[in-house]
Amino acid sequence: MKRRGMSETVELSCPFCGQMGTVLVDEGGGEHQTYVEDCGTCCRPRVVHIESLHDSSRGPRVWLERDDGV
């Protein structure tokens, strides 16, 4: 993870096309964050989940899921 002030970036693979891409983690955004953003490669919507681990030196837990419009 790379830190940039109050934000850091995480490299994750898209759940649709598998391409690696950068997800921005806003450390000031709260303990639990969920939002939808499009993949920069295939343009399909993916749900970004972020759980802050303030008590851990490992940083936040970040994962992506498909947004199939259900």
N, C-alpha and C. Protein backbone atom coordinates (compact mmCIF):
# COMPACT_ATOMS: atom_id res chain seq x y z
N MET A 1 0.84 -1.19 0.00
CA MET A 1 0.00 0.00 0.00
C MET A 1 0.88 1.24 0.00
N LYS A 2 0.47 2.22 -0.75
CA LYS A 2 1.19 3.49 -0.82
C LYS A 2 0.39 4.55 -0.09
N ARG A 3 1.05 5.31 0.75
CA ARG A 3 0.36 6.36 1.49
C ARG A 3 0.52 7.70 0.80
N ARG A 4 -0.58 8.48 0.80
CA ARG A 4 -0.57 9.84 0.27
C ARG A 4 -1.38 10.71 1.23
N GLY A 5 -0.74 11.27 2.23
CA GLY A 5 -1.46 12.11 3.19
C GLY A 5 -2.48 11.30 3.95
N MET A 6 -3.76 11.70 3.85
CA MET A 6 -4.84 11.00 4.54
C MET A 6 -5.44 9.90 3.67
N SER A 7 -4.77 9.52 2.60
CA SER A 7 -5.27 8.49 1.71
C SER A 7 -4.15 7.51 1.41
N GLU A 8 -4.53 6.32 0.99
CA GLU A 8 -3.57 5.36 0.51
C GLU A 8 -4.21 4.61 -0.65
N THR A 9 -3.40 3.96 -1.44
CA THR A 9 -3.92 3.21 -2.57
C THR A 9 -3.64 1.73 -2.37
N VAL A 10 -4.53 0.92 -2.95
CA VAL A 10 -4.41 -0.53 -2.88
C VAL A 10 -4.59 -1.07 -4.28
N GLU A 11 -3.76 -2.02 -4.69
CA GLU A 11 -3.89 -2.66 -6.00
C GLU A 11 -4.73 -3.93 -5.83
N LEU A 12 -5.84 -4.01 -6.59
CA LEU A 12 -6.73 -5.16 -6.54
C LEU A 12 -7.14 -5.55 -7.95
N SER A 13 -7.52 -6.81 -8.13
CA SER A 13 -7.98 -7.24 -9.44
C SER A 13 -9.49 -7.08 -9.54
N CYS A 14 -9.94 -6.69 -10.73
CA CYS A 14 -11.36 -6.49 -11.00
C CYS A 14 -12.08 -7.84 -10.93
N PRO A 15 -13.25 -7.91 -10.27
CA PRO A 15 -13.99 -9.17 -10.20
C PRO A 15 -14.63 -9.57 -11.53
N PHE A 16 -14.63 -8.68 -12.52
CA PHE A 16 -15.18 -8.99 -13.83
C PHE A 16 -14.10 -9.42 -14.82
N CYS A 17 -13.09 -8.54 -15.04
CA CYS A 17 -12.10 -8.80 -16.09
C CYS A 17 -10.76 -9.30 -15.55
N GLY A 18 -10.53 -9.19 -14.24
CA GLY A 18 -9.30 -9.68 -13.63
C GLY A 18 -8.12 -8.74 -13.72
N GLN A 19 -8.26 -7.60 -14.39
CA GLN A 19 -7.15 -6.65 -14.50
C GLN A 19 -6.89 -5.97 -13.16
N MET A 20 -5.61 -5.75 -12.87
CA MET A 20 -5.24 -5.05 -11.65
C MET A 20 -5.53 -3.56 -11.82
N GLY A 21 -6.00 -2.95 -10.74
CA GLY A 21 -6.29 -1.53 -10.75
C GLY A 21 -6.11 -0.95 -9.37
N THR A 22 -6.04 0.35 -9.29
CA THR A 22 -5.82 1.05 -8.03
C THR A 22 -7.14 1.48 -7.43
N VAL A 23 -7.27 1.24 -6.13
CA VAL A 23 -8.43 1.69 -5.35
C VAL A 23 -7.91 2.67 -4.31
N LEU A 24 -8.53 3.83 -4.23
CA LEU A 24 -8.14 4.85 -3.27
C LEU A 24 -8.88 4.62 -1.96
N VAL A 25 -8.14 4.56 -0.85
CA VAL A 25 -8.71 4.41 0.49
C VAL A 25 -8.60 5.74 1.20
N ASP A 26 -9.74 6.36 1.49
CA ASP A 26 -9.79 7.62 2.22
C ASP A 26 -9.82 7.30 3.70
N GLU A 27 -8.70 7.52 4.37
CA GLU A 27 -8.60 7.18 5.79
C GLU A 27 -9.53 8.02 6.66
N GLY A 28 -9.99 9.16 6.15
CA GLY A 28 -10.93 10.00 6.89
C GLY A 28 -12.38 9.66 6.60
N GLY A 29 -12.62 8.60 5.83
CA GLY A 29 -13.97 8.24 5.40
C GLY A 29 -14.75 7.38 6.36
N GLY A 30 -14.18 7.04 7.49
CA GLY A 30 -14.90 6.26 8.49
C GLY A 30 -14.40 4.82 8.57
N GLU A 31 -14.86 4.13 9.59
CA GLU A 31 -14.44 2.75 9.87
C GLU A 31 -14.84 1.79 8.77
N HIS A 32 -16.06 1.95 8.23
CA HIS A 32 -16.59 1.06 7.19
C HIS A 32 -17.04 1.91 6.02
N GLN A 33 -16.54 1.59 4.84
CA GLN A 33 -16.91 2.33 3.63
C GLN A 33 -17.34 1.33 2.57
N THR A 34 -18.38 1.68 1.85
CA THR A 34 -18.85 0.89 0.71
C THR A 34 -19.30 1.86 -0.36
N TYR A 35 -18.80 1.67 -1.57
CA TYR A 35 -19.22 2.52 -2.68
C TYR A 35 -19.03 1.76 -3.99
N VAL A 36 -19.66 2.24 -5.04
CA VAL A 36 -19.57 1.61 -6.36
C VAL A 36 -18.72 2.50 -7.26
N GLU A 37 -17.80 1.87 -7.98
CA GLU A 37 -17.00 2.58 -8.98
C GLU A 37 -16.81 1.65 -10.17
N ASP A 38 -16.62 2.22 -11.34
CA ASP A 38 -16.42 1.44 -12.55
C ASP A 38 -14.96 1.04 -12.69
N CYS A 39 -14.73 -0.13 -13.22
CA CYS A 39 -13.38 -0.60 -13.54
C CYS A 39 -12.81 0.28 -14.63
N GLY A 40 -11.55 0.65 -14.50
CA GLY A 40 -10.90 1.48 -15.50
C GLY A 40 -10.60 0.75 -16.80
N THR A 41 -10.69 -0.58 -16.78
CA THR A 41 -10.41 -1.37 -17.98
C THR A 41 -11.70 -1.80 -18.69
N CYS A 42 -12.59 -2.48 -17.97
CA CYS A 42 -13.79 -3.03 -18.61
C CYS A 42 -15.04 -2.16 -18.39
N CYS A 43 -14.93 -1.14 -17.55
CA CYS A 43 -16.01 -0.17 -17.28
C CYS A 43 -17.23 -0.77 -16.60
N ARG A 44 -17.11 -1.96 -16.04
CA ARG A 44 -18.25 -2.56 -15.34
C ARG A 44 -18.23 -2.11 -13.88
N PRO A 45 -19.41 -1.98 -13.26
CA PRO A 45 -19.48 -1.49 -11.88
C PRO A 45 -19.04 -2.54 -10.88
N ARG A 46 -18.23 -2.12 -9.94
CA ARG A 46 -17.77 -3.01 -8.87
C ARG A 46 -17.98 -2.31 -7.55
N VAL A 47 -18.32 -3.09 -6.54
CA VAL A 47 -18.55 -2.56 -5.20
C VAL A 47 -17.24 -2.64 -4.43
N VAL A 48 -16.82 -1.51 -3.90
CA VAL A 48 -15.60 -1.42 -3.10
C VAL A 48 -16.00 -1.45 -1.63
N HIS A 49 -15.39 -2.37 -0.87
CA HIS A 49 -15.62 -2.46 0.57
C HIS A 49 -14.31 -2.16 1.28
N ILE A 50 -14.38 -1.32 2.30
CA ILE A 50 -13.20 -0.97 3.09
C ILE A 50 -13.57 -1.06 4.56
N GLU A 51 -12.78 -1.82 5.30
CA GLU A 51 -12.92 -1.89 6.76
C GLU A 51 -11.61 -1.40 7.36
N SER A 52 -11.70 -0.38 8.16
CA SER A 52 -10.51 0.20 8.77
C SER A 52 -10.04 -0.69 9.92
N LEU A 53 -8.75 -0.91 9.97
CA LEU A 53 -8.14 -1.68 11.05
C LEU A 53 -7.20 -0.77 11.82
N HIS A 54 -7.75 0.19 12.54
CA HIS A 54 -6.94 1.18 13.24
C HIS A 54 -6.01 0.55 14.27
N ASP A 55 -6.42 -0.59 14.85
CA ASP A 55 -5.60 -1.22 15.88
C ASP A 55 -4.58 -2.18 15.30
N SER A 56 -4.52 -2.26 13.97
CA SER A 56 -3.62 -3.21 13.33
C SER A 56 -2.57 -2.48 12.50
N SER A 57 -1.38 -3.01 12.47
CA SER A 57 -0.32 -2.42 11.64
C SER A 57 -0.45 -2.87 10.19
N ARG A 58 -1.41 -3.76 9.90
CA ARG A 58 -1.60 -4.27 8.53
C ARG A 58 -2.36 -3.30 7.65
N GLY A 59 -2.98 -2.30 8.20
CA GLY A 59 -3.75 -1.35 7.40
C GLY A 59 -5.18 -1.82 7.21
N PRO A 60 -5.93 -1.13 6.35
CA PRO A 60 -7.34 -1.47 6.15
C PRO A 60 -7.51 -2.75 5.34
N ARG A 61 -8.66 -3.38 5.52
CA ARG A 61 -9.05 -4.54 4.69
C ARG A 61 -9.88 -4.00 3.54
N VAL A 62 -9.48 -4.30 2.31
CA VAL A 62 -10.16 -3.77 1.13
C VAL A 62 -10.45 -4.94 0.19
N TRP A 63 -11.69 -5.01 -0.33
CA TRP A 63 -12.02 -6.03 -1.30
C TRP A 63 -13.09 -5.53 -2.26
N LEU A 64 -13.17 -6.17 -3.42
CA LEU A 64 -14.10 -5.80 -4.47
C LEU A 64 -15.10 -6.94 -4.72
N GLU A 65 -16.32 -6.54 -5.08
CA GLU A 65 -17.35 -7.50 -5.48
C GLU A 65 -18.02 -6.98 -6.73
N ARG A 66 -18.62 -7.87 -7.48
CA ARG A 66 -19.40 -7.48 -8.65
C ARG A 66 -20.64 -6.71 -8.24
N ASP A 67 -21.01 -5.69 -9.00
CA ASP A 67 -22.30 -5.05 -8.83
C ASP A 67 -23.15 -5.46 -10.02
N ASP A 68 -23.89 -6.54 -9.83
CA ASP A 68 -24.69 -7.09 -10.91
C ASP A 68 -26.07 -6.46 -10.98
N GLY A 69 -26.29 -5.38 -10.22
CA GLY A 69 -27.56 -4.67 -10.28
C GLY A 69 -28.71 -5.39 -9.64
N VAL A 70 -28.42 -6.30 -8.72
CA VAL A 70 -29.48 -7.07 -8.06
C VAL A 70 -30.16 -6.23 -7.02
